[in-house]
Amino acid sequence: MIIETKEDVVRLSGSLTRNQWMTIKAAANLLLTNHPEGIIVDCSHLDSISEDGAKTFLEAMRDIEAAKSRILVVSLPQHVLAVLKTVPGVRSQLPIADSIEEARASLRMANRPAALRDKAPSGPVDPSKRTFNVLVPIVANMELGYGAALAARLSRGAKADIRLVYFLEVPRTLPLNAPLVDEEQSAERMLRDAVAAARQEGAAASEHVERVRDAAEGILAAARNYAVDILVLGATTEPLAGDQHERFHFLVDTLIHRSPCEVIVGRQKPPL
């Protein structure tokens, strides 16, 4: 087997007949140094693969995800994919993209500032130096973008760290890191609009995409595990279509009753 690297891509050529992760690992780690958001494995020139060779991907996923990064596999020939389907844990967990361009677009979404501080500070904190961590969740098919402007307005005069987090729900039938082109593009647009809304209110805000199985549970996990002081939900006056109304009210009810931090829900002022 031949291993080539260029930019953020590891290209495999020839036959993968045994577990080659230890051979590939050094090259992959070097790429991750320059591309911490993740790397791409191009399999378009892979002629054949054995079940033992398929374990290369399983070990690669474990190591790279343990390092809090991502690995995406692209251009898998059908005969290679057929072998991967026979290896337990590989096909069900392997994040696959159709092309290098699609994989890079997905990785760019991860190349953003960290959404939240790693852990709540230990020990007493001087109140005059305290920074309040404000989380503004954004979810697909819900008009929550007003939360950014509301959080900025509420934070005036305070030392506040406003984090706009898009909670991208990944179906349980797919690996958590699977590329989702349409959803990721939507996330990018909604975050861009939310950042602009915060800026109009004179506040800076960071943005991030968090991959979750369930939006409500993902938001609760962020509030529990990190130093979130205030969670802000802001709805527009636009009527919610279809099941959006029910989803919105379920989310509000869940967060109000189960969130460990302060929850503020606001509605945008109707136009005159």
Protein backbone atom coordinates (compact mmCIF):
# COMPACT_ATOMS: atom_id res chain seq x y z
CA MET A 1 0.00 0.00 0.00
CA ILE A 2 1.16 3.53 -0.80
CA ILE A 3 0.50 6.42 1.62
CA GLU A 4 0.69 10.01 0.35
CA THR A 5 -0.09 13.24 2.18
CA LYS A 6 -0.91 16.70 0.89
CA GLU A 7 -2.41 19.59 2.84
CA ASP A 8 -5.16 17.97 4.95
CA VAL A 9 -5.46 14.76 2.92
CA VAL A 10 -4.02 11.26 3.40
CA ARG A 11 -4.33 9.33 0.12
CA LEU A 12 -4.27 5.52 0.22
CA SER A 13 -3.40 3.56 -2.91
CA GLY A 14 -3.08 -0.15 -3.65
CA SER A 15 -4.22 -2.93 -1.33
CA LEU A 16 -5.04 -2.55 2.37
CA THR A 17 -4.68 -6.13 3.55
CA ARG A 18 -3.80 -5.56 7.21
CA ASN A 19 -4.24 -2.96 9.93
CA GLN A 20 -1.93 -0.13 8.82
CA TRP A 21 -2.94 2.56 11.31
CA MET A 22 0.41 2.58 13.11
CA THR A 23 2.09 3.20 9.74
CA ILE A 24 -0.33 5.96 8.82
CA LYS A 25 -0.50 7.49 12.32
CA ALA A 26 2.74 9.49 12.13
CA ALA A 27 1.69 11.13 8.86
CA ALA A 28 -1.83 11.75 10.18
CA ASN A 29 -0.54 13.37 13.37
CA LEU A 30 1.64 15.71 11.32
CA LEU A 31 -1.38 16.77 9.27
CA LEU A 32 -3.43 17.30 12.43
CA THR A 33 -0.77 19.70 13.73
CA ASN A 34 -1.53 22.02 10.81
CA HIS A 35 -5.21 21.11 10.51
CA PRO A 36 -6.54 20.60 14.06
CA GLU A 37 -10.14 20.67 12.85
CA GLY A 38 -9.61 17.28 11.19
CA ILE A 39 -8.17 15.37 8.26
CA ILE A 40 -9.45 13.59 5.17
CA VAL A 41 -8.62 10.06 4.03
CA ASP A 42 -8.95 9.71 0.24
CA CYS A 43 -9.67 6.11 -0.77
CA SER A 44 -10.31 6.70 -4.48
CA HIS A 45 -7.13 4.80 -5.41
CA LEU A 46 -7.67 1.89 -3.01
CA ASP A 47 -7.81 -1.29 -5.11
CA SER A 48 -8.77 -3.80 -2.43
CA ILE A 49 -9.22 -4.19 1.31
CA SER A 50 -9.46 -7.08 3.76
CA GLU A 51 -11.43 -7.27 7.00
CA ASP A 52 -8.18 -6.85 8.92
CA GLY A 53 -7.29 -3.84 6.77
CA ALA A 54 -10.68 -2.30 7.52
CA LYS A 55 -9.69 -2.13 11.19
CA THR A 56 -7.27 0.63 10.14
CA PHE A 57 -10.23 3.01 9.97
CA LEU A 58 -11.62 1.87 13.32
CA GLU A 59 -8.35 2.60 15.15
CA ALA A 60 -7.93 5.87 13.26
CA MET A 61 -11.37 7.06 14.38
CA ARG A 62 -10.70 6.15 18.00
CA ASP A 63 -7.33 7.91 18.14
CA ILE A 64 -8.35 11.05 16.25
CA GLU A 65 -11.65 11.51 18.08
CA ALA A 66 -9.85 10.97 21.40
CA ALA A 67 -7.70 13.95 20.38
CA LYS A 68 -10.96 15.94 19.93
CA SER A 69 -10.57 16.15 16.18
CA ARG A 70 -12.34 14.61 13.19
CA ILE A 71 -11.51 12.17 10.42
CA LEU A 72 -13.59 11.97 7.24
CA VAL A 73 -13.25 9.28 4.59
CA VAL A 74 -13.98 10.15 0.96
CA SER A 75 -14.39 8.45 -2.40
CA LEU A 76 -14.84 4.88 -1.17
CA PRO A 77 -15.07 2.45 -4.13
CA GLN A 78 -18.13 0.20 -3.93
CA HIS A 79 -16.08 -2.99 -3.57
CA VAL A 80 -14.23 -1.44 -0.60
CA LEU A 81 -17.48 -0.24 0.95
CA ALA A 82 -18.88 -3.76 0.63
CA VAL A 83 -16.03 -5.14 2.76
CA LEU A 84 -16.38 -2.35 5.36
CA LYS A 85 -20.05 -3.27 5.82
CA THR A 86 -18.98 -6.72 7.03
CA VAL A 87 -16.73 -5.43 9.82
CA PRO A 88 -18.62 -4.68 13.06
CA GLY A 89 -18.31 -1.09 14.21
CA VAL A 90 -16.61 0.24 11.08
CA ARG A 91 -19.41 1.01 8.63
CA SER A 92 -21.79 2.21 11.36
CA GLN A 93 -19.22 4.64 12.81
CA LEU A 94 -17.24 5.70 9.75
CA PRO A 95 -17.97 9.30 8.65
CA ILE A 96 -18.06 9.23 4.85
CA ALA A 97 -18.18 12.15 2.40
CA ASP A 98 -18.66 11.99 -1.34
CA SER A 99 -15.69 14.22 -2.19
CA ILE A 100 -12.73 16.09 -0.74
CA GLU A 101 -14.57 19.38 -1.31
CA GLU A 102 -17.60 18.18 0.66
CA ALA A 103 -15.37 16.93 3.48
CA ARG A 104 -13.47 20.23 3.68
CA ALA A 105 -16.73 22.18 3.85
CA SER A 106 -17.79 20.04 6.80
CA LEU A 107 -14.45 20.44 8.56
CA ARG A 108 -14.54 24.21 8.12
CA MET A 109 -17.66 24.29 10.25
CA ALA A 110 -15.62 22.78 13.09
CA ASN A 111 -12.79 25.29 12.66
CA ARG A 112 -14.39 27.85 14.97
CA PRO A 113 -13.64 29.05 18.50
CA ALA A 114 -14.53 26.65 21.27
CA ALA A 115 -18.16 27.08 22.24
CA LEU A 116 -17.73 27.09 25.98
CA ARG A 117 -15.06 27.12 28.61
CA ASP A 118 -13.78 23.65 29.43
CA LYS A 119 -15.01 23.58 33.01
CA ALA A 120 -16.46 25.84 35.63
CA PRO A 121 -13.77 27.65 37.64
CA SER A 122 -12.82 26.00 40.90
CA GLY A 123 -12.64 27.98 44.12
CA PRO A 124 -13.93 31.50 44.87
CA VAL A 125 -13.95 34.12 42.13
CA ASP A 126 -13.71 37.86 42.68
CA PRO A 127 -17.18 39.16 41.63
CA SER A 128 -15.62 42.26 40.09
CA LYS A 129 -13.60 40.04 37.75
CA ARG A 130 -16.34 37.54 37.03
CA THR A 131 -17.26 36.95 33.40
CA PHE A 132 -20.78 35.68 32.84
CA ASN A 133 -21.03 32.88 30.32
CA VAL A 134 -24.12 33.40 28.18
CA LEU A 135 -25.27 30.58 25.91
CA VAL A 136 -27.59 31.32 22.98
CA PRO A 137 -28.76 28.04 21.40
CA ILE A 138 -29.77 27.92 17.75
CA VAL A 139 -31.63 24.95 16.30
CA ALA A 140 -32.76 24.08 12.78
CA ASN A 141 -36.36 24.94 11.88
CA MET A 142 -36.76 27.25 14.86
CA GLU A 143 -36.57 31.03 14.68
CA LEU A 144 -34.18 31.48 17.61
CA GLY A 145 -31.85 34.02 16.03
CA TYR A 146 -33.38 36.87 18.03
CA GLY A 147 -31.69 35.36 21.08
CA ALA A 148 -28.38 36.84 19.93
CA ALA A 149 -29.72 40.41 19.98
CA LEU A 150 -31.52 39.78 23.26
CA ALA A 151 -28.39 38.35 24.92
CA ALA A 152 -26.34 41.33 23.72
CA ARG A 153 -28.93 43.75 25.10
CA LEU A 154 -29.12 41.97 28.46
CA SER A 155 -25.33 41.90 28.75
CA ARG A 156 -24.74 45.64 28.37
CA GLY A 157 -22.57 46.95 31.17
CA ALA A 158 -21.60 43.45 32.31
CA LYS A 159 -18.55 41.30 31.61
CA ALA A 160 -20.30 38.74 29.48
CA ASP A 161 -19.01 36.05 27.16
CA ILE A 162 -21.76 35.48 24.58
CA ARG A 163 -21.60 32.13 22.80
CA LEU A 164 -23.85 31.40 19.83
CA VAL A 165 -24.09 27.63 19.48
CA TYR A 166 -25.87 25.84 16.67
CA PHE A 167 -26.98 22.44 17.90
CA LEU A 168 -26.86 20.28 14.79
CA GLU A 169 -29.01 17.18 15.24
CA VAL A 170 -27.39 14.14 13.61
CA PRO A 171 -29.73 11.17 12.93
CA ARG A 172 -28.94 8.10 15.01
CA THR A 173 -28.58 6.13 11.79
CA LEU A 174 -25.41 8.12 10.96
CA PRO A 175 -22.07 8.53 12.76
CA LEU A 176 -22.04 11.66 14.92
CA ASN A 177 -19.27 13.21 12.77
CA ALA A 178 -20.91 12.38 9.43
CA PRO A 179 -20.87 15.27 6.93
CA LEU A 180 -24.32 16.85 6.48
CA VAL A 181 -23.88 19.32 3.65
CA ASP A 182 -27.30 21.01 3.61
CA GLU A 183 -27.60 21.17 7.39
CA GLU A 184 -24.08 22.56 7.79
CA GLN A 185 -24.72 25.25 5.19
CA SER A 186 -27.92 26.19 7.01
CA ALA A 187 -26.00 26.32 10.30
CA GLU A 188 -23.44 28.64 8.76
CA ARG A 189 -26.13 31.03 7.49
CA MET A 190 -28.01 31.09 10.79
CA LEU A 191 -24.84 31.68 12.80
CA ARG A 192 -23.77 34.47 10.46
CA ASP A 193 -27.13 36.19 10.91
CA ALA A 194 -26.98 35.74 14.69
CA VAL A 195 -23.48 37.23 14.90
CA ALA A 196 -24.67 40.22 12.85
CA ALA A 197 -27.66 40.67 15.18
CA ALA A 198 -25.37 40.73 18.23
CA ARG A 199 -23.06 43.25 16.56
CA GLN A 200 -25.98 45.55 15.81
CA GLU A 201 -26.55 45.67 19.56
CA GLY A 202 -22.88 46.55 20.12
CA ALA A 203 -21.71 43.16 21.41
CA ALA A 204 -19.16 40.66 20.17
CA ALA A 205 -20.12 37.00 20.13
CA SER A 206 -18.33 33.77 19.24
CA GLU A 207 -19.95 31.03 17.20
CA HIS A 208 -19.77 27.27 17.24
CA VAL A 209 -21.52 24.14 15.92
CA GLU A 210 -22.23 21.35 18.39
CA ARG A 211 -23.18 17.94 16.98
CA VAL A 212 -25.86 16.24 19.03
CA ARG A 213 -28.48 13.50 18.72
CA ASP A 214 -31.19 15.60 20.33
CA ALA A 215 -31.20 19.40 20.53
CA ALA A 216 -32.85 19.72 23.93
CA GLU A 217 -30.62 17.12 25.54
CA GLY A 218 -27.56 18.66 23.89
CA ILE A 219 -28.37 22.10 25.27
CA LEU A 220 -28.97 20.65 28.73
CA ALA A 221 -25.66 18.79 28.59
CA ALA A 222 -23.84 22.02 27.68
CA ALA A 223 -25.54 23.87 30.53
CA ARG A 224 -24.69 21.11 33.03
CA ASN A 225 -21.11 20.37 32.00
CA TYR A 226 -19.79 23.87 31.38
CA ALA A 227 -19.82 27.20 33.12
CA VAL A 228 -23.07 28.50 31.64
CA ASP A 229 -24.65 31.21 33.81
CA ILE A 230 -27.50 32.31 31.57
CA LEU A 231 -29.25 30.54 28.71
CA VAL A 232 -31.11 32.86 26.34
CA LEU A 233 -33.87 31.82 23.94
CA GLY A 234 -35.30 34.50 21.69
CA ALA A 235 -38.23 33.99 19.33
CA THR A 236 -39.36 36.19 16.47
CA THR A 237 -42.96 37.26 15.92
CA GLU A 238 -43.20 35.16 12.76
CA PRO A 239 -45.75 32.33 13.11
CA LEU A 240 -44.18 28.88 13.36
CA ALA A 241 -45.23 26.53 10.58
CA GLY A 242 -46.03 22.84 10.82
CA ASP A 243 -44.50 21.06 13.79
CA GLN A 244 -42.18 24.02 14.55
CA HIS A 245 -44.68 25.43 17.04
CA GLU A 246 -44.81 22.18 18.99
CA ARG A 247 -41.01 21.72 18.87
CA PHE A 248 -40.40 25.26 20.09
CA HIS A 249 -42.74 24.93 23.05
CA PHE A 250 -41.32 21.51 23.93
CA LEU A 251 -37.80 22.98 23.91
CA VAL A 252 -38.83 25.94 26.08
CA ASP A 253 -40.66 23.69 28.54
CA THR A 254 -37.73 21.27 28.76
CA LEU A 255 -35.14 23.97 29.37
CA ILE A 256 -37.22 25.88 31.91
CA HIS A 257 -37.90 22.78 33.97
CA ARG A 258 -34.57 20.97 33.65
CA SER A 259 -31.83 23.54 33.05
CA PRO A 260 -29.44 24.05 35.99
CA CYS A 261 -28.81 27.68 35.03
CA GLU A 262 -30.93 30.77 34.61
CA VAL A 263 -33.16 30.63 31.51
CA ILE A 264 -34.47 33.73 29.79
CA VAL A 265 -37.07 33.46 27.03
CA GLY A 266 -37.94 36.57 25.05
CA ARG A 267 -40.03 37.48 22.04
CA GLN A 268 -39.08 40.07 19.47
CA LYS A 269 -41.19 43.21 19.48
CA PRO A 270 -43.84 43.08 16.75
CA PRO A 271 -43.45 45.61 13.94
CA LEU A 272 -45.67 48.68 14.16
